[in-house]
Amino acid sequence: MAFDDSSLPPVVPEDAAALVAAVAGSVLLPGDAAYDDERAVFNLNHELVPAVIVVAESAADVQAAVA
């Protein structure tokens, strides 16, 4: 089951630019090359489709992503 909330607009690269600048790790949006690999989960009963994935390299990346 995939979560689909079509009432939310997609995140576009321009919207994620500040996050990209704030983290050392990768910021992935749907359609990016590594997006599908990073969103894979252990429990295959649920298909998760996050708007943005941050591949954190440090605690500071996690803090920036949450902020």
Protein backbone atom coordinates (compact mmCIF):
# COMPACT_ATOMS: atom_id res chain seq x y z
CA MET A 1 0.00 0.00 0.00
CA ALA A 2 1.50 3.33 -1.02
CA PHE A 3 0.65 6.56 0.72
CA ASP A 4 -0.64 8.97 -1.87
CA ASP A 5 -1.79 12.41 -0.86
CA SER A 6 -2.42 14.14 -4.15
CA SER A 7 -3.52 17.25 -2.26
CA LEU A 8 0.15 17.95 -1.50
CA PRO A 9 2.23 19.49 -4.27
CA PRO A 10 5.44 17.65 -5.18
CA VAL A 11 8.73 18.99 -3.87
CA VAL A 12 10.74 20.46 -6.74
CA PRO A 13 14.51 21.00 -6.74
CA GLU A 14 14.11 24.73 -6.16
CA ASP A 15 12.16 23.97 -2.96
CA ALA A 16 14.90 21.65 -1.70
CA ALA A 17 17.82 23.97 -2.52
CA ALA A 18 18.20 25.27 1.04
CA LEU A 19 18.24 21.71 2.39
CA VAL A 20 20.81 20.65 -0.22
CA ALA A 21 23.01 23.55 0.87
CA ALA A 22 22.58 22.70 4.57
CA VAL A 23 23.60 19.03 4.51
CA ALA A 24 26.79 17.23 3.55
CA GLY A 25 24.87 14.11 2.52
CA SER A 26 22.56 13.60 -0.42
CA VAL A 27 19.08 15.05 -0.80
CA LEU A 28 16.96 12.91 -3.10
CA LEU A 29 13.62 13.65 -4.72
CA PRO A 30 11.35 11.21 -6.58
CA GLY A 31 12.87 10.60 -9.99
CA ASP A 32 16.49 10.98 -8.82
CA ALA A 33 18.74 8.04 -9.71
CA ALA A 34 19.31 6.75 -6.14
CA TYR A 35 15.83 7.57 -4.81
CA ASP A 36 14.30 4.10 -5.24
CA ASP A 37 17.30 2.34 -3.67
CA GLU A 38 17.26 4.65 -0.65
CA ARG A 39 13.53 4.37 -0.04
CA ALA A 40 13.61 0.56 0.05
CA VAL A 41 12.64 -0.79 3.46
CA PHE A 42 13.03 -4.10 5.21
CA ASN A 43 9.28 -4.60 5.56
CA LEU A 44 8.15 -5.05 1.98
CA ASN A 45 4.47 -5.00 3.01
CA HIS A 46 4.62 -1.21 2.91
CA GLU A 47 5.71 0.88 -0.04
CA LEU A 48 6.87 4.23 1.28
CA VAL A 49 7.17 7.18 -1.09
CA PRO A 50 8.64 10.10 0.85
CA ALA A 51 8.63 13.57 -0.68
CA VAL A 52 12.33 14.01 0.17
CA ILE A 53 15.04 11.62 1.35
CA VAL A 54 18.09 12.93 3.18
CA VAL A 55 21.03 10.52 3.24
CA ALA A 56 22.62 11.92 6.37
CA GLU A 57 26.38 11.76 6.85
CA SER A 58 26.40 13.24 10.35
CA ALA A 59 24.26 14.30 13.27
CA ALA A 60 24.39 17.82 11.87
CA ASP A 61 22.74 16.55 8.66
CA VAL A 62 19.94 15.01 10.72
CA GLN A 63 19.48 18.28 12.62
CA ALA A 64 19.32 20.26 9.35
CA ALA A 65 16.83 17.82 7.84
CA VAL A 66 14.52 18.01 10.84
CA ALA A 67 14.79 21.80 11.00
